[in-house]
Amino acid sequence: MHGVVRWRLKDLVQWLWDEFRIEVSETTLGRELRALSYRKLSARPRHHAKSEAAVADFKKPFPRVWRKSRPTRPMAGR
């Protein structure tokens, strides 16, 4: 395994050179990857001071306060 979590175009260009001695620009590689339907994806950033306890408390189920509405009847004549 290569051990890379996220590939940047710069990293891919270097990997292509190291593995196959193929020289390609970042622009060209990006264009080719888009043509193959690859898209740039980034993970959602996490706050450094995130509290796991606060997250767990937030995810606790709350009692149902709202009642379901009765189904609506179709309007006559339409």
Protein backbone atom coordinates (compact mmCIF):
# COMPACT_ATOMS: atom_id res chain seq x y z
CA MET A 1 0.00 0.00 0.00
CA HIS A 2 1.21 3.49 -0.77
CA GLY A 3 0.09 4.99 2.56
CA VAL A 4 -1.29 8.18 1.04
CA VAL A 5 -4.57 9.42 2.46
CA ARG A 6 -5.23 12.13 -0.11
CA TRP A 7 -3.70 12.46 -3.54
CA ARG A 8 -2.89 15.90 -4.88
CA LEU A 9 -2.12 16.46 -8.54
CA LYS A 10 1.43 17.29 -7.53
CA ASP A 11 1.70 13.90 -5.77
CA LEU A 12 0.27 12.04 -8.76
CA VAL A 13 2.67 13.75 -11.16
CA GLN A 14 5.59 12.69 -8.95
CA TRP A 15 4.22 9.13 -8.62
CA LEU A 16 3.90 8.81 -12.41
CA TRP A 17 7.51 9.91 -12.78
CA ASP A 18 8.80 7.60 -10.04
CA GLU A 19 6.90 4.53 -11.24
CA PHE A 20 6.87 4.89 -15.03
CA ARG A 21 9.24 7.76 -15.88
CA ILE A 22 6.31 9.57 -17.50
CA GLU A 23 6.51 13.34 -17.34
CA VAL A 24 3.17 15.16 -17.40
CA SER A 25 2.07 18.57 -16.16
CA GLU A 26 -0.41 19.02 -13.34
CA THR A 27 -2.77 20.82 -15.72
CA THR A 28 -2.76 17.98 -18.24
CA LEU A 29 -3.19 15.34 -15.56
CA GLY A 30 -6.10 17.26 -14.02
CA ARG A 31 -7.77 17.58 -17.43
CA GLU A 32 -7.37 13.85 -18.11
CA LEU A 33 -8.72 12.88 -14.70
CA ARG A 34 -11.78 15.11 -15.22
CA ALA A 35 -12.31 13.47 -18.62
CA LEU A 36 -12.36 10.10 -16.83
CA SER A 37 -15.09 11.49 -14.49
CA TYR A 38 -12.82 11.86 -11.47
CA ARG A 39 -13.61 14.87 -9.32
CA LYS A 40 -11.79 16.69 -6.57
CA LEU A 41 -13.20 15.63 -3.22
CA SER A 42 -12.15 16.96 0.15
CA ALA A 43 -13.02 15.66 3.56
CA ARG A 44 -15.00 17.97 5.78
CA PRO A 45 -12.58 19.73 8.14
CA ARG A 46 -12.79 18.93 11.84
CA HIS A 47 -12.38 21.47 14.58
CA HIS A 48 -9.28 20.89 16.73
CA ALA A 49 -11.21 21.43 19.99
CA LYS A 50 -14.13 19.14 19.17
CA SER A 51 -15.53 17.43 22.25
CA GLU A 52 -16.53 13.80 21.72
CA ALA A 53 -18.77 13.99 24.83
CA ALA A 54 -20.65 16.96 23.39
CA VAL A 55 -21.15 15.11 20.11
CA ALA A 56 -22.49 12.05 21.97
CA ASP A 57 -24.90 14.21 24.00
CA PHE A 58 -26.14 15.92 20.85
CA LYS A 59 -26.86 12.59 19.16
CA LYS A 60 -28.99 11.23 22.04
CA PRO A 61 -32.59 10.67 20.98
CA PHE A 62 -35.06 13.25 22.18
CA PRO A 63 -38.67 12.45 23.12
CA ARG A 64 -41.21 13.07 20.39
CA VAL A 65 -42.81 16.44 21.03
CA TRP A 66 -44.59 16.80 17.72
CA ARG A 67 -47.53 14.66 16.72
CA LYS A 68 -48.00 13.51 13.17
CA SER A 69 -50.57 15.44 11.20
CA ARG A 70 -53.65 13.65 10.00
CA PRO A 71 -53.55 12.75 6.33
CA THR A 72 -55.13 15.40 4.16
CA ARG A 73 -58.26 14.56 2.20
CA PRO A 74 -58.24 15.12 -1.54
CA MET A 75 -60.16 18.21 -2.54
CA ALA A 76 -63.49 17.54 -4.24
CA GLY A 77 -63.93 18.66 -7.81
CA ARG A 78 -60.27 18.70 -8.83
